[in-house]
Amino acid sequence: MKDRHDLMPILRLAYSTQFLIALIAIFVLWSQVGGQNHLDLLPWSVKLGLALAAAYGVVRATAASVAGDRAWNGQTVRWLGLTLALLFACGYATYYAHMNLEEVDDGEQQQDTAISRSGIRLRLVHPRGNSDYSSVRLQSARRLARSAPTSVTTIRSPS
């Protein structure tokens, strides 16, 4: 009995480390499979809740495997099933973001001209004949905020 109590601090450290590694792995897997753009559209609370729950499920499955007589016991399978269900929920949230949260504006693409030169993108916006110029600039600014890796500057064309 004393041996088991000596092992508990090491197991706690191992489970904590596994939780952090599982959390990183879930976010990397989610962004690679579902796409970083779709992941960025989801609210932070949804991403955090699903990722924490899935990482917790991985750790609980491991703890059940260590605690049982056999590695694959009922508790291990139950926690593994719950973790897989949470990962499917992550996929469904990404699909929802793809179908409902993405903005597609075909009319704005015709009015804007993009020039690419040595890695710098310049966006020229033509205000003439457009009564929705401020809303177009607002939508352009929103897209700019979402595309963090690229540098985009909005320049008004000379009139």
N, C-alpha and C. Protein backbone atom coordinates (compact mmCIF):
# COMPACT_ATOMS: atom_id res chain seq x y z
N MET A 1 0.82 -1.19 0.00
CA MET A 1 0.00 0.00 0.00
C MET A 1 0.87 1.26 0.00
N LYS A 2 2.01 1.20 0.68
CA LYS A 2 2.88 2.35 0.73
C LYS A 2 3.49 2.65 -0.64
N ASP A 3 3.72 1.60 -1.44
CA ASP A 3 4.28 1.80 -2.77
C ASP A 3 3.33 2.61 -3.64
N ARG A 4 2.06 2.37 -3.50
CA ARG A 4 1.08 3.09 -4.32
C ARG A 4 1.06 4.58 -3.96
N HIS A 5 1.20 4.91 -2.68
CA HIS A 5 1.22 6.30 -2.25
C HIS A 5 2.50 7.00 -2.69
N ASP A 6 3.59 6.28 -2.80
CA ASP A 6 4.83 6.86 -3.29
C ASP A 6 4.74 7.16 -4.79
N LEU A 7 3.92 6.42 -5.49
CA LEU A 7 3.78 6.56 -6.94
C LEU A 7 2.82 7.69 -7.32
N MET A 8 1.96 8.11 -6.43
CA MET A 8 0.92 9.10 -6.76
C MET A 8 1.47 10.46 -7.21
N PRO A 9 2.48 11.06 -6.58
CA PRO A 9 2.99 12.34 -7.08
C PRO A 9 3.54 12.24 -8.50
N ILE A 10 4.18 11.13 -8.81
CA ILE A 10 4.71 10.96 -10.17
C ILE A 10 3.57 10.81 -11.16
N LEU A 11 2.52 10.08 -10.77
CA LEU A 11 1.36 9.93 -11.66
C LEU A 11 0.65 11.26 -11.88
N ARG A 12 0.53 12.05 -10.83
CA ARG A 12 -0.09 13.37 -10.99
C ARG A 12 0.70 14.24 -11.96
N LEU A 13 2.01 14.21 -11.83
CA LEU A 13 2.86 14.96 -12.75
C LEU A 13 2.72 14.43 -14.18
N ALA A 14 2.66 13.12 -14.33
CA ALA A 14 2.52 12.52 -15.65
C ALA A 14 1.17 12.87 -16.27
N TYR A 15 0.09 12.84 -15.49
CA TYR A 15 -1.23 13.18 -16.01
C TYR A 15 -1.32 14.67 -16.37
N SER A 16 -0.72 15.52 -15.55
CA SER A 16 -0.72 16.95 -15.87
C SER A 16 0.04 17.22 -17.16
N THR A 17 1.17 16.58 -17.31
CA THR A 17 1.95 16.74 -18.54
C THR A 17 1.18 16.21 -19.74
N GLN A 18 0.55 15.06 -19.57
CA GLN A 18 -0.24 14.49 -20.67
C GLN A 18 -1.41 15.41 -21.04
N PHE A 19 -2.03 16.05 -20.05
CA PHE A 19 -3.12 16.97 -20.33
C PHE A 19 -2.65 18.14 -21.19
N LEU A 20 -1.51 18.73 -20.83
CA LEU A 20 -0.99 19.86 -21.60
C LEU A 20 -0.58 19.45 -23.01
N ILE A 21 0.04 18.29 -23.14
CA ILE A 21 0.43 17.81 -24.46
C ILE A 21 -0.81 17.49 -25.30
N ALA A 22 -1.82 16.90 -24.67
CA ALA A 22 -3.07 16.59 -25.39
C ALA A 22 -3.77 17.86 -25.83
N LEU A 23 -3.73 18.89 -25.01
CA LEU A 23 -4.35 20.18 -25.36
C LEU A 23 -3.66 20.78 -26.58
N ILE A 24 -2.35 20.77 -26.60
CA ILE A 24 -1.61 21.29 -27.75
C ILE A 24 -1.91 20.45 -28.98
N ALA A 25 -1.90 19.13 -28.83
CA ALA A 25 -2.15 18.24 -29.96
C ALA A 25 -3.55 18.44 -30.53
N ILE A 26 -4.53 18.67 -29.68
CA ILE A 26 -5.90 18.86 -30.15
C ILE A 26 -6.02 20.15 -30.95
N PHE A 27 -5.42 21.23 -30.46
CA PHE A 27 -5.49 22.49 -31.21
C PHE A 27 -4.74 22.41 -32.54
N VAL A 28 -3.59 21.73 -32.56
CA VAL A 28 -2.85 21.58 -33.81
C VAL A 28 -3.63 20.71 -34.79
N LEU A 29 -4.16 19.59 -34.31
CA LEU A 29 -4.95 18.71 -35.17
C LEU A 29 -6.18 19.43 -35.70
N TRP A 30 -6.85 20.18 -34.85
CA TRP A 30 -8.07 20.89 -35.25
C TRP A 30 -7.77 21.94 -36.32
N SER A 31 -6.69 22.66 -36.16
CA SER A 31 -6.36 23.69 -37.15
C SER A 31 -5.89 23.07 -38.46
N GLN A 32 -5.20 21.93 -38.41
CA GLN A 32 -4.73 21.30 -39.63
C GLN A 32 -5.85 20.60 -40.38
N VAL A 33 -6.73 19.93 -39.69
CA VAL A 33 -7.81 19.19 -40.34
C VAL A 33 -8.95 20.12 -40.73
N GLY A 34 -9.38 20.97 -39.82
CA GLY A 34 -10.53 21.84 -40.08
C GLY A 34 -10.19 23.13 -40.78
N GLY A 35 -8.94 23.53 -40.76
CA GLY A 35 -8.54 24.78 -41.37
C GLY A 35 -8.48 25.90 -40.35
N GLN A 36 -7.39 26.63 -40.37
CA GLN A 36 -7.20 27.70 -39.39
C GLN A 36 -8.22 28.82 -39.58
N ASN A 37 -8.61 29.10 -40.82
CA ASN A 37 -9.59 30.17 -41.06
C ASN A 37 -10.92 29.86 -40.41
N HIS A 38 -11.36 28.61 -40.52
CA HIS A 38 -12.63 28.24 -39.90
C HIS A 38 -12.52 28.22 -38.38
N LEU A 39 -11.38 27.83 -37.89
CA LEU A 39 -11.17 27.81 -36.44
C LEU A 39 -11.16 29.23 -35.87
N ASP A 40 -10.63 30.18 -36.64
CA ASP A 40 -10.61 31.57 -36.20
C ASP A 40 -12.01 32.18 -36.13
N LEU A 41 -12.95 31.66 -36.89
CA LEU A 41 -14.30 32.21 -36.90
C LEU A 41 -15.11 31.77 -35.68
N LEU A 42 -14.72 30.67 -35.04
CA LEU A 42 -15.46 30.17 -33.89
C LEU A 42 -15.20 31.04 -32.66
N PRO A 43 -16.19 31.18 -31.79
CA PRO A 43 -15.98 31.91 -30.54
C PRO A 43 -14.95 31.19 -29.66
N TRP A 44 -14.20 31.95 -28.89
CA TRP A 44 -13.15 31.36 -28.08
C TRP A 44 -13.68 30.38 -27.05
N SER A 45 -14.88 30.65 -26.55
CA SER A 45 -15.43 29.76 -25.52
C SER A 45 -15.73 28.37 -26.07
N VAL A 46 -16.17 28.29 -27.33
CA VAL A 46 -16.45 26.99 -27.95
C VAL A 46 -15.14 26.23 -28.14
N LYS A 47 -14.13 26.92 -28.66
CA LYS A 47 -12.83 26.27 -28.88
C LYS A 47 -12.23 25.79 -27.57
N LEU A 48 -12.25 26.65 -26.56
CA LEU A 48 -11.65 26.30 -25.28
C LEU A 48 -12.41 25.16 -24.60
N GLY A 49 -13.73 25.23 -24.60
CA GLY A 49 -14.53 24.20 -23.95
C GLY A 49 -14.35 22.83 -24.59
N LEU A 50 -14.42 22.76 -25.91
CA LEU A 50 -14.27 21.47 -26.58
C LEU A 50 -12.85 20.92 -26.43
N ALA A 51 -11.85 21.78 -26.53
CA ALA A 51 -10.47 21.32 -26.41
C ALA A 51 -10.15 20.84 -24.99
N LEU A 52 -10.60 21.59 -23.99
CA LEU A 52 -10.36 21.17 -22.61
C LEU A 52 -11.07 19.85 -22.30
N ALA A 53 -12.30 19.71 -22.77
CA ALA A 53 -13.04 18.47 -22.52
C ALA A 53 -12.38 17.28 -23.22
N ALA A 54 -11.91 17.46 -24.45
CA ALA A 54 -11.26 16.36 -25.16
C ALA A 54 -9.94 15.99 -24.49
N ALA A 55 -9.16 16.96 -24.06
CA ALA A 55 -7.89 16.67 -23.38
C ALA A 55 -8.16 15.98 -22.04
N TYR A 56 -9.20 16.40 -21.33
CA TYR A 56 -9.57 15.75 -20.07
C TYR A 56 -9.98 14.30 -20.33
N GLY A 57 -10.70 14.06 -21.42
CA GLY A 57 -11.10 12.70 -21.76
C GLY A 57 -9.91 11.81 -22.05
N VAL A 58 -8.89 12.35 -22.72
CA VAL A 58 -7.68 11.58 -22.99
C VAL A 58 -6.98 11.19 -21.68
N VAL A 59 -6.88 12.15 -20.77
CA VAL A 59 -6.22 11.87 -19.49
C VAL A 59 -7.02 10.87 -18.66
N ARG A 60 -8.32 11.01 -18.66
CA ARG A 60 -9.15 10.06 -17.89
C ARG A 60 -9.09 8.66 -18.47
N ALA A 61 -9.01 8.55 -19.80
CA ALA A 61 -8.86 7.23 -20.42
C ALA A 61 -7.53 6.60 -20.01
N THR A 62 -6.49 7.40 -19.97
CA THR A 62 -5.19 6.89 -19.53
C THR A 62 -5.22 6.49 -18.06
N ALA A 63 -5.85 7.29 -17.23
CA ALA A 63 -5.95 6.97 -15.80
C ALA A 63 -6.76 5.69 -15.58
N ALA A 64 -7.82 5.50 -16.35
CA ALA A 64 -8.61 4.28 -16.24
C ALA A 64 -7.81 3.07 -16.70
N SER A 65 -6.99 3.27 -17.71
CA SER A 65 -6.15 2.18 -18.20
C SER A 65 -5.10 1.78 -17.17
N VAL A 66 -4.53 2.76 -16.48
CA VAL A 66 -3.52 2.48 -15.46
C VAL A 66 -4.15 1.85 -14.22
N ALA A 67 -5.35 2.27 -13.86
CA ALA A 67 -5.99 1.80 -12.63
C ALA A 67 -6.55 0.39 -12.76
N GLY A 68 -6.90 -0.02 -13.97
CA GLY A 68 -7.52 -1.33 -14.15
C GLY A 68 -6.52 -2.46 -14.20
N ASP A 69 -7.05 -3.69 -14.10
CA ASP A 69 -6.20 -4.87 -14.20
C ASP A 69 -5.68 -5.05 -15.63
N ARG A 70 -6.54 -4.72 -16.59
CA ARG A 70 -6.15 -4.80 -18.00
C ARG A 70 -6.14 -3.40 -18.56
N ALA A 71 -5.34 -3.19 -19.61
CA ALA A 71 -5.26 -1.84 -20.20
C ALA A 71 -6.59 -1.45 -20.85
N TRP A 72 -7.21 -2.37 -21.57
CA TRP A 72 -8.49 -2.08 -22.20
C TRP A 72 -9.61 -2.64 -21.33
N ASN A 73 -10.14 -1.78 -20.47
CA ASN A 73 -11.27 -2.17 -19.64
C ASN A 73 -12.47 -1.30 -19.98
N GLY A 74 -13.55 -1.48 -19.29
CA GLY A 74 -14.79 -0.74 -19.58
C GLY A 74 -14.64 0.77 -19.42
N GLN A 75 -13.97 1.18 -18.37
CA GLN A 75 -13.78 2.62 -18.14
C GLN A 75 -12.92 3.26 -19.23
N THR A 76 -11.88 2.56 -19.65
CA THR A 76 -11.01 3.08 -20.70
C THR A 76 -11.78 3.27 -22.00
N VAL A 77 -12.57 2.27 -22.36
CA VAL A 77 -13.37 2.35 -23.59
C VAL A 77 -14.41 3.46 -23.49
N ARG A 78 -15.01 3.62 -22.33
CA ARG A 78 -16.00 4.67 -22.14
C ARG A 78 -15.39 6.06 -22.31
N TRP A 79 -14.24 6.30 -21.70
CA TRP A 79 -13.59 7.61 -21.83
C TRP A 79 -13.06 7.84 -23.24
N LEU A 80 -12.60 6.78 -23.89
CA LEU A 80 -12.15 6.91 -25.26
C LEU A 80 -13.32 7.25 -26.19
N GLY A 81 -14.47 6.61 -25.95
CA GLY A 81 -15.67 6.93 -26.74
C GLY A 81 -16.12 8.36 -26.54
N LEU A 82 -16.08 8.83 -25.30
CA LEU A 82 -16.45 10.22 -25.01
C LEU A 82 -15.48 11.19 -25.69
N THR A 83 -14.20 10.85 -25.68
CA THR A 83 -13.20 11.71 -26.33
C THR A 83 -13.43 11.76 -27.83
N LEU A 84 -13.72 10.63 -28.45
CA LEU A 84 -14.01 10.61 -29.88
C LEU A 84 -15.28 11.42 -30.20
N ALA A 85 -16.28 11.33 -29.34
CA ALA A 85 -17.50 12.12 -29.54
C ALA A 85 -17.19 13.62 -29.46
N LEU A 86 -16.32 14.01 -28.54
CA LEU A 86 -15.93 15.42 -28.44
C LEU A 86 -15.14 15.87 -29.67
N LEU A 87 -14.30 15.00 -30.20
CA LEU A 87 -13.56 15.34 -31.41
C LEU A 87 -14.51 15.48 -32.61
N PHE A 88 -15.55 14.65 -32.67
CA PHE A 88 -16.56 14.82 -33.71
C PHE A 88 -17.32 16.14 -33.52
N ALA A 89 -17.54 16.54 -32.28
CA ALA A 89 -18.17 17.84 -32.01
C ALA A 89 -17.28 18.98 -32.48
N CYS A 90 -15.96 18.82 -32.35
CA CYS A 90 -15.03 19.82 -32.88
C CYS A 90 -15.17 19.92 -34.39
N GLY A 91 -15.29 18.78 -35.05
CA GLY A 91 -15.48 18.78 -36.50
C GLY A 91 -16.80 19.41 -36.89
N TYR A 92 -17.85 19.15 -36.13
CA TYR A 92 -19.15 19.74 -36.44
C TYR A 92 -19.11 21.25 -36.23
N ALA A 93 -18.42 21.72 -35.21
CA ALA A 93 -18.30 23.17 -34.98
C ALA A 93 -17.55 23.83 -36.13
N THR A 94 -16.53 23.16 -36.65
CA THR A 94 -15.80 23.69 -37.80
C THR A 94 -16.68 23.73 -39.03
N TYR A 95 -17.47 22.68 -39.23
CA TYR A 95 -18.40 22.64 -40.36
C TYR A 95 -19.44 23.75 -40.24
N TYR A 96 -19.93 23.99 -39.03
CA TYR A 96 -20.89 25.07 -38.80
C TYR A 96 -20.26 26.42 -39.14
N ALA A 97 -19.02 26.62 -38.73
CA ALA A 97 -18.33 27.88 -39.04
C ALA A 97 -18.16 28.03 -40.54
N HIS A 98 -17.87 26.94 -41.23
CA HIS A 98 -17.69 26.99 -42.68
C HIS A 98 -18.99 27.36 -43.39
N MET A 99 -20.09 26.81 -42.92
CA MET A 99 -21.37 27.02 -43.60
C MET A 99 -22.06 28.32 -43.20
N ASN A 100 -21.90 28.78 -41.97
CA ASN A 100 -22.72 29.88 -41.47
C ASN A 100 -21.95 31.14 -41.07
N LEU A 101 -20.70 31.03 -40.72
CA LEU A 101 -19.99 32.18 -40.19
C LEU A 101 -19.06 32.84 -41.20
N GLU A 102 -18.84 32.20 -42.32
CA GLU A 102 -17.94 32.75 -43.32
C GLU A 102 -18.66 33.78 -44.16
N GLU A 103 -18.00 34.91 -44.42
CA GLU A 103 -18.58 35.96 -45.25
C GLU A 103 -18.03 35.84 -46.67
N VAL A 104 -18.94 35.76 -47.63
CA VAL A 104 -18.54 35.72 -49.04
C VAL A 104 -19.24 36.88 -49.72
N ASP A 105 -18.46 37.80 -50.30
CA ASP A 105 -19.00 38.98 -50.95
C ASP A 105 -18.45 39.06 -52.36
N ASP A 106 -19.25 38.63 -53.36
CA ASP A 106 -18.79 38.66 -54.74
C ASP A 106 -18.77 40.06 -55.31
N GLY A 107 -19.71 40.91 -54.91
CA GLY A 107 -19.78 42.28 -55.43
C GLY A 107 -18.58 43.11 -55.05
N GLU A 108 -18.05 42.87 -53.85
CA GLU A 108 -16.90 43.65 -53.40
C GLU A 108 -15.63 43.27 -54.14
N GLN A 109 -15.53 42.01 -54.54
CA GLN A 109 -14.34 41.58 -55.25
C GLN A 109 -14.23 42.25 -56.61
N GLN A 110 -15.34 42.64 -57.22
CA GLN A 110 -15.31 43.31 -58.50
C GLN A 110 -14.86 44.76 -58.35
N GLN A 111 -15.13 45.38 -57.22
CA GLN A 111 -14.79 46.78 -57.02
C GLN A 111 -13.36 46.96 -56.54
N ASP A 112 -12.78 45.96 -55.90
CA ASP A 112 -11.43 46.07 -55.35
C ASP A 112 -10.42 45.53 -56.34
N THR A 113 -9.25 46.12 -56.34
CA THR A 113 -8.15 45.64 -57.15
C THR A 113 -7.00 45.35 -56.22
N ALA A 114 -6.46 44.13 -56.26
CA ALA A 114 -5.35 43.76 -55.39
C ALA A 114 -4.07 43.73 -56.22
N ILE A 115 -3.03 44.35 -55.70
CA ILE A 115 -1.74 44.37 -56.35
C ILE A 115 -0.76 43.70 -55.40
N SER A 116 -0.03 42.73 -55.90
CA SER A 116 0.94 42.03 -55.08
C SER A 116 2.34 42.33 -55.60
N ARG A 117 3.20 42.83 -54.71
CA ARG A 117 4.55 43.16 -55.10
C ARG A 117 5.49 42.87 -53.94
N SER A 118 6.38 41.97 -54.14
CA SER A 118 7.40 41.57 -53.17
C SER A 118 6.82 41.25 -51.80
N GLY A 119 5.72 40.50 -51.80
CA GLY A 119 5.14 40.06 -50.54
C GLY A 119 4.24 41.06 -49.86
N ILE A 120 4.09 42.28 -50.39
CA ILE A 120 3.23 43.29 -49.80
C ILE A 120 1.99 43.41 -50.67
N ARG A 121 0.83 43.32 -50.06
CA ARG A 121 -0.41 43.41 -50.82
C ARG A 121 -1.02 44.78 -50.59
N LEU A 122 -1.36 45.46 -51.67
CA LEU A 122 -2.03 46.75 -51.61
C LEU A 122 -3.44 46.57 -52.13
N ARG A 123 -4.41 47.13 -51.45
CA ARG A 123 -5.79 47.01 -51.88
C ARG A 123 -6.27 48.40 -52.28
N LEU A 124 -6.70 48.53 -53.53
CA LEU A 124 -7.22 49.80 -54.04
C LEU A 124 -8.73 49.73 -54.03
N VAL A 125 -9.38 50.69 -53.38
CA VAL A 125 -10.82 50.73 -53.29
C VAL A 125 -11.31 51.94 -54.08
N HIS A 126 -12.24 51.73 -55.00
CA HIS A 126 -12.78 52.79 -55.85
C HIS A 126 -14.10 53.29 -55.27
N PRO A 127 -14.13 54.51 -54.68
CA PRO A 127 -15.34 54.98 -54.01
C PRO A 127 -16.39 55.54 -54.97
N ARG A 128 -16.04 55.86 -56.21
CA ARG A 128 -17.00 56.49 -57.11
C ARG A 128 -18.13 55.53 -57.47
N GLY A 129 -19.33 56.05 -57.41
CA GLY A 129 -20.49 55.26 -57.81
C GLY A 129 -20.91 54.22 -56.79
N ASN A 130 -20.38 54.27 -55.58
CA ASN A 130 -20.70 53.28 -54.57
C ASN A 130 -21.26 53.99 -53.35
N SER A 131 -22.55 53.81 -53.09
CA SER A 131 -23.18 54.47 -51.95
C SER A 131 -22.83 53.76 -50.64
N ASP A 132 -22.38 52.51 -50.73
CA ASP A 132 -22.04 51.73 -49.54
C ASP A 132 -20.54 51.72 -49.29
N TYR A 133 -19.88 52.84 -49.58
CA TYR A 133 -18.42 52.88 -49.46
C TYR A 133 -17.95 52.61 -48.04
N SER A 134 -18.63 53.18 -47.03
CA SER A 134 -18.18 52.97 -45.66
C SER A 134 -18.39 51.52 -45.23
N SER A 135 -19.48 50.88 -45.66
CA SER A 135 -19.68 49.48 -45.29
C SER A 135 -18.69 48.58 -46.01
N VAL A 136 -18.29 48.97 -47.23
CA VAL A 136 -17.28 48.19 -47.95
C VAL A 136 -15.95 48.29 -47.22
N ARG A 137 -15.60 49.49 -46.76
CA ARG A 137 -14.34 49.66 -46.02
C ARG A 137 -14.38 48.91 -44.70
N LEU A 138 -15.57 48.89 -44.04
CA LEU A 138 -15.70 48.16 -42.79
C LEU A 138 -15.52 46.66 -43.03
N GLN A 139 -16.14 46.13 -44.07
CA GLN A 139 -15.98 44.72 -44.38
C GLN A 139 -14.55 44.39 -44.76
N SER A 140 -13.91 45.31 -45.49
CA SER A 140 -12.51 45.12 -45.86
C SER A 140 -11.62 45.11 -44.61
N ALA A 141 -11.93 45.97 -43.66
CA ALA A 141 -11.16 46.01 -42.41
C ALA A 141 -11.36 44.73 -41.61
N ARG A 142 -12.57 44.18 -41.63
CA ARG A 142 -12.82 42.92 -40.92
C ARG A 142 -12.01 41.79 -41.54
N ARG A 143 -11.99 41.74 -42.87
CA ARG A 143 -11.21 40.70 -43.53
C ARG A 143 -9.72 40.89 -43.25
N LEU A 144 -9.29 42.14 -43.19
CA LEU A 144 -7.89 42.42 -42.88
C LEU A 144 -7.54 41.91 -41.48
N ALA A 145 -8.43 42.10 -40.53
CA ALA A 145 -8.17 41.65 -39.17
C ALA A 145 -8.11 40.13 -39.09
N ARG A 146 -8.88 39.44 -39.94
CA ARG A 146 -8.88 37.98 -39.92
C ARG A 146 -7.67 37.39 -40.61
N SER A 147 -7.07 38.11 -41.52
CA SER A 147 -5.93 37.57 -42.27
C SER A 147 -4.63 38.08 -41.67
N ALA A 148 -4.32 37.65 -40.47
CA ALA A 148 -3.16 38.14 -39.74
C ALA A 148 -1.82 37.85 -40.42
N PRO A 149 -1.61 36.69 -41.06
CA PRO A 149 -0.29 36.44 -41.63
C PRO A 149 0.09 37.37 -42.78
N THR A 150 -0.89 37.94 -43.49
CA THR A 150 -0.56 38.80 -44.62
C THR A 150 -0.69 40.26 -44.21
N SER A 151 0.05 41.11 -44.87
CA SER A 151 0.01 42.54 -44.60
C SER A 151 -0.78 43.22 -45.71
N VAL A 152 -1.90 43.83 -45.36
CA VAL A 152 -2.76 44.45 -46.36
C VAL A 152 -2.95 45.92 -45.98
N THR A 153 -2.77 46.81 -46.94
CA THR A 153 -2.96 48.23 -46.73
C THR A 153 -4.06 48.71 -47.66
N THR A 154 -5.01 49.49 -47.15
CA THR A 154 -6.08 50.02 -47.97
C THR A 154 -5.71 51.42 -48.41
N ILE A 155 -5.74 51.64 -49.72
CA ILE A 155 -5.38 52.94 -50.29
C ILE A 155 -6.54 53.39 -51.17
N ARG A 156 -6.93 54.65 -51.01
CA ARG A 156 -7.98 55.22 -51.82
C ARG A 156 -7.37 55.66 -53.16
N SER A 157 -8.05 55.35 -54.26
CA SER A 157 -7.51 55.71 -55.56
C SER A 157 -7.65 57.22 -55.77
N PRO A 158 -6.70 57.84 -56.48
CA PRO A 158 -6.78 59.29 -56.69
C PRO A 158 -7.97 59.65 -57.56
N SER A 159 -8.68 60.73 -57.18
CA SER A 159 -9.85 61.12 -57.96
C SER A 159 -9.65 62.45 -58.61
